[in-house]
All heavy atoms as atom14 arrays in JSON, in Angstrom:
{
  "sequence": "LLFIAHKSTGGKKFRYAAVGLTSLVMEVFLIFQIFDDAYPSYA",
  "atom14_mask": [
    [1, 1, 1, 1, 1, 1, 1, 1, 0, 0, 0, 0, 0, 0],
    [1, 1, 1, 1, 1, 1, 1, 1, 0, 0, 0, 0, 0, 0],
    [1, 1, 1, 1, 1, 1, 1, 1, 1, 1, 1, 0, 0, 0],
    [1, 1, 1, 1, 1, 1, 1, 1, 0, 0, 0, 0, 0, 0],
    [1, 1, 1, 1, 1, 0, 0, 0, 0, 0, 0, 0, 0, 0],
    [1, 1, 1, 1, 1, 1, 1, 1, 1, 1, 0, 0, 0, 0],
    [1, 1, 1, 1, 1, 1, 1, 1, 1, 0, 0, 0, 0, 0],
    [1, 1, 1, 1, 1, 1, 0, 0, 0, 0, 0, 0, 0, 0],
    [1, 1, 1, 1, 1, 1, 1, 0, 0, 0, 0, 0, 0, 0],
    [1, 1, 1, 1, 0, 0, 0, 0, 0, 0, 0, 0, 0, 0],
    [1, 1, 1, 1, 0, 0, 0, 0, 0, 0, 0, 0, 0, 0],
    [1, 1, 1, 1, 1, 1, 1, 1, 1, 0, 0, 0, 0, 0],
    [1, 1, 1, 1, 1, 1, 1, 1, 1, 0, 0, 0, 0, 0],
    [1, 1, 1, 1, 1, 1, 1, 1, 1, 1, 1, 0, 0, 0],
    [1, 1, 1, 1, 1, 1, 1, 1, 1, 1, 1, 0, 0, 0],
    [1, 1, 1, 1, 1, 1, 1, 1, 1, 1, 1, 1, 0, 0],
    [1, 1, 1, 1, 1, 0, 0, 0, 0, 0, 0, 0, 0, 0],
    [1, 1, 1, 1, 1, 0, 0, 0, 0, 0, 0, 0, 0, 0],
    [1, 1, 1, 1, 1, 1, 1, 0, 0, 0, 0, 0, 0, 0],
    [1, 1, 1, 1, 0, 0, 0, 0, 0, 0, 0, 0, 0, 0],
    [1, 1, 1, 1, 1, 1, 1, 1, 0, 0, 0, 0, 0, 0],
    [1, 1, 1, 1, 1, 1, 1, 0, 0, 0, 0, 0, 0, 0],
    [1, 1, 1, 1, 1, 1, 0, 0, 0, 0, 0, 0, 0, 0],
    [1, 1, 1, 1, 1, 1, 1, 1, 0, 0, 0, 0, 0, 0],
    [1, 1, 1, 1, 1, 1, 1, 0, 0, 0, 0, 0, 0, 0],
    [1, 1, 1, 1, 1, 1, 1, 1, 0, 0, 0, 0, 0, 0],
    [1, 1, 1, 1, 1, 1, 1, 1, 1, 0, 0, 0, 0, 0],
    [1, 1, 1, 1, 1, 1, 1, 0, 0, 0, 0, 0, 0, 0],
    [1, 1, 1, 1, 1, 1, 1, 1, 1, 1, 1, 0, 0, 0],
    [1, 1, 1, 1, 1, 1, 1, 1, 0, 0, 0, 0, 0, 0],
    [1, 1, 1, 1, 1, 1, 1, 1, 0, 0, 0, 0, 0, 0],
    [1, 1, 1, 1, 1, 1, 1, 1, 1, 1, 1, 0, 0, 0],
    [1, 1, 1, 1, 1, 1, 1, 1, 1, 0, 0, 0, 0, 0],
    [1, 1, 1, 1, 1, 1, 1, 1, 0, 0, 0, 0, 0, 0],
    [1, 1, 1, 1, 1, 1, 1, 1, 1, 1, 1, 0, 0, 0],
    [1, 1, 1, 1, 1, 1, 1, 1, 0, 0, 0, 0, 0, 0],
    [1, 1, 1, 1, 1, 1, 1, 1, 0, 0, 0, 0, 0, 0],
    [1, 1, 1, 1, 1, 0, 0, 0, 0, 0, 0, 0, 0, 0],
    [1, 1, 1, 1, 1, 1, 1, 1, 1, 1, 1, 1, 0, 0],
    [1, 1, 1, 1, 1, 1, 1, 0, 0, 0, 0, 0, 0, 0],
    [1, 1, 1, 1, 1, 1, 0, 0, 0, 0, 0, 0, 0, 0],
    [1, 1, 1, 1, 1, 1, 1, 1, 1, 1, 1, 1, 0, 0],
    [1, 1, 1, 1, 1, 0, 0, 0, 0, 0, 0, 0, 0, 0]
  ],
  "atom14_positions": [
    [[0.78, -1.2, -0.04], [0.02, 0.01, 0.05], [0.79, 1.28, 0.03], [0.49, 2.26, -0.76], [-0.85, 0.02, 1.18], [-2.24, -0.91, 1.09], [-2.77, -1.15, 2.45], [-3.2, -0.21, 0.23], [0.0, 0.0, 0.0], [0.0, 0.0, 0.0], [0.0, 0.0, 0.0], [0.0, 0.0, 0.0], [0.0, 0.0, 0.0], [0.0, 0.0, 0.0]],
    [[1.94, 1.3, 0.82], [2.8, 2.43, 0.83], [3.51, 2.57, -0.43], [3.7, 3.78, -1.03], [3.78, 2.27, 1.92], [3.2, 2.36, 3.34], [4.22, 2.03, 4.47], [2.59, 3.72, 3.61], [0.0, 0.0, 0.0], [0.0, 0.0, 0.0], [0.0, 0.0, 0.0], [0.0, 0.0, 0.0], [0.0, 0.0, 0.0], [0.0, 0.0, 0.0]],
    [[3.75, 1.53, -1.22], [4.48, 1.65, -2.55], [3.41, 2.24, -3.48], [3.82, 3.06, -4.35], [4.88, 0.26, -3.05], [5.35, 0.17, -4.39], [6.6, 0.73, -4.69], [4.57, -0.37, -5.41], [7.06, 0.71, -6.09], [5.0, -0.43, -6.71], [6.26, 0.14, -7.06], [0.0, 0.0, 0.0], [0.0, 0.0, 0.0], [0.0, 0.0, 0.0]],
    [[2.12, 1.8, -3.47], [1.11, 2.3, -4.38], [0.87, 3.81, -4.15], [0.72, 4.58, -4.93], [-0.16, 1.52, -4.22], [0.02, 0.08, -4.81], [-1.28, 2.17, -4.96], [-1.09, -0.78, -4.54], [0.0, 0.0, 0.0], [0.0, 0.0, 0.0], [0.0, 0.0, 0.0], [0.0, 0.0, 0.0], [0.0, 0.0, 0.0], [0.0, 0.0, 0.0]],
    [[0.83, 4.14, -2.75], [0.72, 5.58, -2.39], [1.88, 6.38, -2.86], [1.65, 7.54, -3.35], [0.74, 5.7, -0.78], [0.0, 0.0, 0.0], [0.0, 0.0, 0.0], [0.0, 0.0, 0.0], [0.0, 0.0, 0.0], [0.0, 0.0, 0.0], [0.0, 0.0, 0.0], [0.0, 0.0, 0.0], [0.0, 0.0, 0.0], [0.0, 0.0, 0.0]],
    [[3.11, 5.89, -2.86], [4.23, 6.63, -3.41], [4.1, 6.89, -4.94], [4.51, 8.04, -5.32], [5.5, 5.79, -3.11], [6.81, 6.44, -3.62], [7.3, 7.6, -3.17], [7.51, 6.1, -4.8], [8.37, 7.93, -3.87], [8.49, 7.06, -4.83], [0.0, 0.0, 0.0], [0.0, 0.0, 0.0], [0.0, 0.0, 0.0], [0.0, 0.0, 0.0]],
    [[3.46, 6.06, -5.6], [3.29, 6.18, -7.0], [2.02, 6.98, -7.37], [1.79, 7.4, -8.46], [3.17, 4.8, -7.68], [4.45, 4.03, -7.68], [4.23, 2.75, -8.19], [3.97, 2.64, -9.62], [3.82, 1.33, -10.23], [0.0, 0.0, 0.0], [0.0, 0.0, 0.0], [0.0, 0.0, 0.0], [0.0, 0.0, 0.0], [0.0, 0.0, 0.0]],
    [[1.06, 7.17, -6.38], [-0.14, 7.85, -6.72], [-0.06, 9.39, -6.41], [0.96, 9.88, -5.95], [-1.27, 7.39, -5.72], [-1.39, 5.94, -5.99], [0.0, 0.0, 0.0], [0.0, 0.0, 0.0], [0.0, 0.0, 0.0], [0.0, 0.0, 0.0], [0.0, 0.0, 0.0], [0.0, 0.0, 0.0], [0.0, 0.0, 0.0], [0.0, 0.0, 0.0]],
    [[-1.1, 10.14, -6.7], [-1.02, 11.62, -6.47], [-2.42, 12.02, -5.87], [-3.39, 11.24, -5.9], [-0.9, 12.3, -7.84], [-1.92, 11.9, -8.72], [0.45, 11.97, -8.47], [0.0, 0.0, 0.0], [0.0, 0.0, 0.0], [0.0, 0.0, 0.0], [0.0, 0.0, 0.0], [0.0, 0.0, 0.0], [0.0, 0.0, 0.0], [0.0, 0.0, 0.0]],
    [[-2.44, 13.18, -5.29], [-3.62, 13.83, -4.82], [-4.22, 13.05, -3.68], [-3.55, 12.49, -2.82], [0.0, 0.0, 0.0], [0.0, 0.0, 0.0], [0.0, 0.0, 0.0], [0.0, 0.0, 0.0], [0.0, 0.0, 0.0], [0.0, 0.0, 0.0], [0.0, 0.0, 0.0], [0.0, 0.0, 0.0], [0.0, 0.0, 0.0], [0.0, 0.0, 0.0]],
    [[-5.56, 12.98, -3.57], [-6.24, 12.35, -2.53], [-6.0, 10.92, -2.35], [-5.9, 10.38, -1.19], [0.0, 0.0, 0.0], [0.0, 0.0, 0.0], [0.0, 0.0, 0.0], [0.0, 0.0, 0.0], [0.0, 0.0, 0.0], [0.0, 0.0, 0.0], [0.0, 0.0, 0.0], [0.0, 0.0, 0.0], [0.0, 0.0, 0.0], [0.0, 0.0, 0.0]],
    [[-5.74, 10.28, -3.51], [-5.55, 8.78, -3.48], [-4.26, 8.52, -2.7], [-4.1, 7.5, -1.93], [-5.47, 8.3, -4.86], [-6.84, 8.09, -5.52], [-6.8, 7.34, -6.77], [-8.13, 6.99, -7.38], [-7.98, 6.28, -8.6], [0.0, 0.0, 0.0], [0.0, 0.0, 0.0], [0.0, 0.0, 0.0], [0.0, 0.0, 0.0], [0.0, 0.0, 0.0]],
    [[-3.18, 9.36, -2.99], [-1.88, 9.17, -2.3], [-2.06, 9.23, -0.77], [-1.62, 8.32, -0.07], [-0.95, 10.23, -2.86], [0.48, 10.16, -2.2], [1.29, 11.32, -2.68], [2.71, 11.23, -2.23], [3.51, 10.19, -2.9], [0.0, 0.0, 0.0], [0.0, 0.0, 0.0], [0.0, 0.0, 0.0], [0.0, 0.0, 0.0], [0.0, 0.0, 0.0]],
    [[-2.78, 10.29, -0.33], [-3.01, 10.32, 1.09], [-3.83, 9.15, 1.68], [-3.44, 8.64, 2.75], [-3.8, 11.68, 1.36], [-4.02, 11.99, 2.86], [-3.02, 12.53, 3.58], [-5.32, 11.71, 3.33], [-3.35, 12.88, 4.88], [-5.61, 12.08, 4.69], [-4.51, 12.65, 5.44], [0.0, 0.0, 0.0], [0.0, 0.0, 0.0], [0.0, 0.0, 0.0]],
    [[-4.87, 8.77, 0.98], [-5.75, 7.71, 1.55], [-5.05, 6.3, 1.49], [-5.17, 5.54, 2.34], [-7.06, 7.56, 0.72], [-7.92, 8.77, 0.9], [-9.31, 8.54, 0.41], [-9.42, 8.35, -1.04], [-9.52, 9.43, -1.85], [-9.63, 10.53, -1.39], [-9.65, 9.15, -3.22], [0.0, 0.0, 0.0], [0.0, 0.0, 0.0], [0.0, 0.0, 0.0]],
    [[-4.23, 6.05, 0.41], [-3.5, 4.72, 0.37], [-2.51, 4.77, 1.46], [-2.26, 3.7, 2.07], [-2.83, 4.65, -1.04], [-3.76, 4.28, -2.1], [-3.36, 4.66, -3.45], [-4.92, 3.62, -1.94], [-4.27, 4.37, -4.5], [-5.79, 3.36, -2.98], [-5.38, 3.68, -4.25], [-6.31, 3.36, -5.31], [0.0, 0.0, 0.0], [0.0, 0.0, 0.0]],
    [[-1.84, 5.87, 1.79], [-0.87, 5.85, 2.71], [-1.43, 5.72, 4.15], [-0.93, 4.92, 5.01], [-0.11, 7.26, 2.82], [0.0, 0.0, 0.0], [0.0, 0.0, 0.0], [0.0, 0.0, 0.0], [0.0, 0.0, 0.0], [0.0, 0.0, 0.0], [0.0, 0.0, 0.0], [0.0, 0.0, 0.0], [0.0, 0.0, 0.0], [0.0, 0.0, 0.0]],
    [[-2.63, 6.28, 4.39], [-3.44, 6.05, 5.67], [-3.8, 4.57, 5.81], [-3.5, 4.05, 6.96], [-4.58, 6.93, 5.64], [0.0, 0.0, 0.0], [0.0, 0.0, 0.0], [0.0, 0.0, 0.0], [0.0, 0.0, 0.0], [0.0, 0.0, 0.0], [0.0, 0.0, 0.0], [0.0, 0.0, 0.0], [0.0, 0.0, 0.0], [0.0, 0.0, 0.0]],
    [[-4.23, 3.97, 4.86], [-4.57, 2.47, 4.93], [-3.33, 1.7, 5.15], [-3.33, 0.82, 5.97], [-5.38, 2.05, 3.64], [-5.66, 0.58, 3.75], [-6.67, 2.77, 3.53], [0.0, 0.0, 0.0], [0.0, 0.0, 0.0], [0.0, 0.0, 0.0], [0.0, 0.0, 0.0], [0.0, 0.0, 0.0], [0.0, 0.0, 0.0], [0.0, 0.0, 0.0]],
    [[-2.2, 2.0, 4.42], [-0.93, 1.3, 4.68], [-0.48, 1.43, 6.07], [-0.02, 0.52, 6.65], [0.0, 0.0, 0.0], [0.0, 0.0, 0.0], [0.0, 0.0, 0.0], [0.0, 0.0, 0.0], [0.0, 0.0, 0.0], [0.0, 0.0, 0.0], [0.0, 0.0, 0.0], [0.0, 0.0, 0.0], [0.0, 0.0, 0.0], [0.0, 0.0, 0.0]],
    [[-0.56, 2.7, 6.69], [-0.07, 2.91, 7.93], [-0.87, 2.16, 8.99], [-0.5, 1.71, 10.03], [-0.08, 4.34, 8.31], [1.03, 5.22, 7.54], [0.87, 6.7, 7.85], [2.43, 4.73, 8.05], [0.0, 0.0, 0.0], [0.0, 0.0, 0.0], [0.0, 0.0, 0.0], [0.0, 0.0, 0.0], [0.0, 0.0, 0.0], [0.0, 0.0, 0.0]],
    [[-2.23, 1.96, 8.69], [-3.13, 1.21, 9.52], [-2.73, -0.27, 9.61], [-2.67, -0.75, 10.65], [-4.65, 1.29, 8.98], [-5.0, 2.59, 8.97], [-5.5, 0.49, 9.77], [0.0, 0.0, 0.0], [0.0, 0.0, 0.0], [0.0, 0.0, 0.0], [0.0, 0.0, 0.0], [0.0, 0.0, 0.0], [0.0, 0.0, 0.0], [0.0, 0.0, 0.0]],
    [[-2.29, -0.84, 8.48], [-1.73, -2.18, 8.51], [-0.54, -2.3, 9.33], [-0.27, -3.17, 10.1], [-1.49, -2.67, 7.07], [-2.71, -2.96, 6.4], [0.0, 0.0, 0.0], [0.0, 0.0, 0.0], [0.0, 0.0, 0.0], [0.0, 0.0, 0.0], [0.0, 0.0, 0.0], [0.0, 0.0, 0.0], [0.0, 0.0, 0.0], [0.0, 0.0, 0.0]],
    [[0.3, -1.2, 9.22], [1.53, -1.1, 9.94], [1.28, -1.13, 11.51], [1.92, -1.73, 12.29], [2.37, 0.11, 9.56], [3.79, 0.25, 10.04], [4.71, -0.98, 9.5], [4.43, 1.52, 9.63], [0.0, 0.0, 0.0], [0.0, 0.0, 0.0], [0.0, 0.0, 0.0], [0.0, 0.0, 0.0], [0.0, 0.0, 0.0], [0.0, 0.0, 0.0]],
    [[0.35, -0.36, 11.82], [-0.01, -0.18, 13.25], [-0.5, -1.52, 13.8], [-0.2, -1.95, 14.84], [-1.1, 0.89, 13.46], [-1.85, 0.76, 14.85], [-0.52, 2.22, 13.34], [0.0, 0.0, 0.0], [0.0, 0.0, 0.0], [0.0, 0.0, 0.0], [0.0, 0.0, 0.0], [0.0, 0.0, 0.0], [0.0, 0.0, 0.0], [0.0, 0.0, 0.0]],
    [[-1.4, -2.22, 12.98], [-1.93, -3.51, 13.38], [-0.83, -4.51, 13.72], [-0.79, -5.34, 14.66], [-3.0, -4.07, 12.54], [-4.21, -3.12, 12.53], [-5.34, -3.35, 11.07], [-5.81, -5.01, 11.22], [0.0, 0.0, 0.0], [0.0, 0.0, 0.0], [0.0, 0.0, 0.0], [0.0, 0.0, 0.0], [0.0, 0.0, 0.0], [0.0, 0.0, 0.0]],
    [[0.17, -4.48, 12.78], [1.2, -5.53, 12.91], [2.2, -5.22, 14.14], [2.63, -6.04, 14.75], [2.05, -5.58, 11.54], [3.01, -4.41, 11.43], [3.69, -4.41, 10.01], [2.93, -4.58, 9.05], [4.93, -4.27, 9.94], [0.0, 0.0, 0.0], [0.0, 0.0, 0.0], [0.0, 0.0, 0.0], [0.0, 0.0, 0.0], [0.0, 0.0, 0.0]],
    [[2.43, -3.95, 14.4], [3.2, -3.52, 15.5], [2.53, -3.94, 16.88], [3.25, -4.55, 17.72], [3.44, -1.98, 15.55], [4.1, -1.55, 16.84], [4.32, -1.61, 14.38], [0.0, 0.0, 0.0], [0.0, 0.0, 0.0], [0.0, 0.0, 0.0], [0.0, 0.0, 0.0], [0.0, 0.0, 0.0], [0.0, 0.0, 0.0], [0.0, 0.0, 0.0]],
    [[1.23, -3.73, 16.9], [0.6, -4.11, 18.2], [0.35, -5.61, 18.25], [0.31, -6.09, 19.41], [-0.71, -3.31, 18.29], [-0.62, -1.95, 18.77], [-0.25, -0.95, 17.96], [-0.78, -1.67, 20.16], [-0.23, 0.41, 18.42], [-0.66, -0.4, 20.61], [-0.35, 0.69, 19.78], [0.0, 0.0, 0.0], [0.0, 0.0, 0.0], [0.0, 0.0, 0.0]],
    [[0.36, -6.27, 17.18], [0.3, -7.76, 17.23], [1.68, -8.3, 17.82], [1.7, -9.31, 18.42], [0.02, -8.32, 15.8], [-0.28, -9.79, 15.71], [-1.43, -10.14, 16.56], [-0.56, -10.14, 14.34], [0.0, 0.0, 0.0], [0.0, 0.0, 0.0], [0.0, 0.0, 0.0], [0.0, 0.0, 0.0], [0.0, 0.0, 0.0], [0.0, 0.0, 0.0]],
    [[2.75, -7.66, 17.42], [4.02, -8.01, 17.88], [4.09, -7.85, 19.47], [4.59, -8.63, 20.22], [5.17, -7.13, 17.26], [5.32, -7.48, 15.79], [6.56, -7.4, 18.04], [6.18, -6.65, 15.02], [0.0, 0.0, 0.0], [0.0, 0.0, 0.0], [0.0, 0.0, 0.0], [0.0, 0.0, 0.0], [0.0, 0.0, 0.0], [0.0, 0.0, 0.0]],
    [[3.51, -6.64, 19.92], [3.38, -6.41, 21.38], [2.55, -7.54, 22.04], [2.89, -8.0, 23.11], [2.75, -5.1, 21.66], [3.56, -3.88, 21.24], [2.92, -2.69, 20.99], [4.95, -3.92, 21.05], [3.63, -1.56, 20.62], [5.62, -2.91, 20.75], [5.08, -1.7, 20.51], [0.0, 0.0, 0.0], [0.0, 0.0, 0.0], [0.0, 0.0, 0.0]],
    [[1.52, -7.99, 21.39], [0.65, -9.05, 21.87], [1.51, -10.41, 22.09], [1.18, -11.13, 23.03], [-0.47, -9.31, 20.94], [-1.55, -10.17, 21.59], [-2.42, -9.52, 22.62], [-3.02, -8.42, 22.39], [-2.37, -10.04, 23.89], [0.0, 0.0, 0.0], [0.0, 0.0, 0.0], [0.0, 0.0, 0.0], [0.0, 0.0, 0.0], [0.0, 0.0, 0.0]],
    [[2.43, -10.64, 21.22], [3.25, -11.82, 21.3], [4.06, -11.88, 22.66], [4.1, -12.86, 23.34], [4.22, -11.98, 20.13], [3.38, -12.27, 18.86], [5.25, -13.1, 20.39], [4.19, -12.37, 17.59], [0.0, 0.0, 0.0], [0.0, 0.0, 0.0], [0.0, 0.0, 0.0], [0.0, 0.0, 0.0], [0.0, 0.0, 0.0], [0.0, 0.0, 0.0]],
    [[4.67, -10.7, 22.98], [5.47, -10.62, 24.11], [4.8, -10.49, 25.42], [5.35, -10.72, 26.51], [6.53, -9.44, 23.91], [7.49, -9.68, 22.72], [7.39, -9.06, 21.57], [8.53, -10.68, 22.91], [8.27, -9.26, 20.44], [9.47, -10.9, 21.91], [9.33, -10.21, 20.67], [0.0, 0.0, 0.0], [0.0, 0.0, 0.0], [0.0, 0.0, 0.0]],
    [[3.54, -9.91, 25.35], [2.85, -9.73, 26.62], [1.34, -10.06, 26.41], [0.63, -9.22, 25.95], [3.02, -8.36, 27.16], [2.47, -8.05, 28.42], [1.95, -9.0, 29.09], [2.47, -6.91, 28.98], [0.0, 0.0, 0.0], [0.0, 0.0, 0.0], [0.0, 0.0, 0.0], [0.0, 0.0, 0.0], [0.0, 0.0, 0.0], [0.0, 0.0, 0.0]],
    [[1.0, -11.25, 26.7], [-0.43, -11.75, 26.44], [-1.33, -11.23, 27.68], [-2.54, -11.46, 27.61], [-0.57, -13.29, 26.37], [0.06, -13.99, 27.51], [0.1, -13.5, 28.6], [0.54, -15.14, 27.27], [0.0, 0.0, 0.0], [0.0, 0.0, 0.0], [0.0, 0.0, 0.0], [0.0, 0.0, 0.0], [0.0, 0.0, 0.0], [0.0, 0.0, 0.0]],
    [[-0.79, -10.53, 28.67], [-1.62, -10.04, 29.78], [-2.08, -8.59, 29.47], [-2.65, -8.09, 30.38], [-0.7, -10.08, 31.04], [0.0, 0.0, 0.0], [0.0, 0.0, 0.0], [0.0, 0.0, 0.0], [0.0, 0.0, 0.0], [0.0, 0.0, 0.0], [0.0, 0.0, 0.0], [0.0, 0.0, 0.0], [0.0, 0.0, 0.0], [0.0, 0.0, 0.0]],
    [[-1.83, -8.12, 28.28], [-2.3, -6.75, 27.91], [-2.97, -6.82, 26.54], [-2.47, -7.53, 25.72], [-1.05, -5.76, 27.88], [-1.47, -4.34, 27.78], [-1.78, -3.68, 28.93], [-1.39, -3.68, 26.6], [-2.13, -2.31, 28.93], [-1.8, -2.33, 26.51], [-2.18, -1.7, 27.64], [-2.41, -0.35, 27.64], [0.0, 0.0, 0.0], [0.0, 0.0, 0.0]],
    [[-4.08, -6.1, 26.32], [-4.82, -6.2, 25.12], [-4.25, -5.39, 24.03], [-4.85, -4.5, 23.5], [-6.21, -5.67, 25.52], [-5.89, -4.66, 26.61], [-4.72, -5.35, 27.32], [0.0, 0.0, 0.0], [0.0, 0.0, 0.0], [0.0, 0.0, 0.0], [0.0, 0.0, 0.0], [0.0, 0.0, 0.0], [0.0, 0.0, 0.0], [0.0, 0.0, 0.0]],
    [[-3.03, -5.75, 23.56], [-2.29, -4.94, 22.66], [-3.06, -4.92, 21.31], [-3.15, -3.87, 20.59], [-0.9, -5.37, 22.46], [-0.19, -5.28, 23.69], [0.0, 0.0, 0.0], [0.0, 0.0, 0.0], [0.0, 0.0, 0.0], [0.0, 0.0, 0.0], [0.0, 0.0, 0.0], [0.0, 0.0, 0.0], [0.0, 0.0, 0.0], [0.0, 0.0, 0.0]],
    [[-3.42, -6.1, 20.85], [-4.09, -6.2, 19.45], [-5.4, -5.41, 19.42], [-5.63, -4.74, 18.36], [-4.28, -7.6, 19.2], [-4.77, -7.84, 17.69], [-3.9, -7.49, 16.61], [-6.01, -8.33, 17.34], [-4.34, -7.64, 15.35], [-6.5, -8.5, 16.1], [-5.7, -8.1, 15.07], [-6.07, -8.34, 13.72], [0.0, 0.0, 0.0], [0.0, 0.0, 0.0]],
    [[-6.11, -5.35, 20.56], [-7.33, -4.67, 20.52], [-7.06, -3.11, 20.3], [-7.76, -2.43, 19.66], [-8.04, -4.84, 21.85], [0.0, 0.0, 0.0], [0.0, 0.0, 0.0], [0.0, 0.0, 0.0], [0.0, 0.0, 0.0], [0.0, 0.0, 0.0], [0.0, 0.0, 0.0], [0.0, 0.0, 0.0], [0.0, 0.0, 0.0], [0.0, 0.0, 0.0]]
  ]
}
């Protein structure tokens, strides 16, 4: 998504980047969930 955002322009560039960053956030918090299952990181 970030690659497509880089190649896009205007509003699409902004929206693709936002969706790509959302996936990035979800994966980071999933990593936190692996190391500490006593905290609702993925939520």
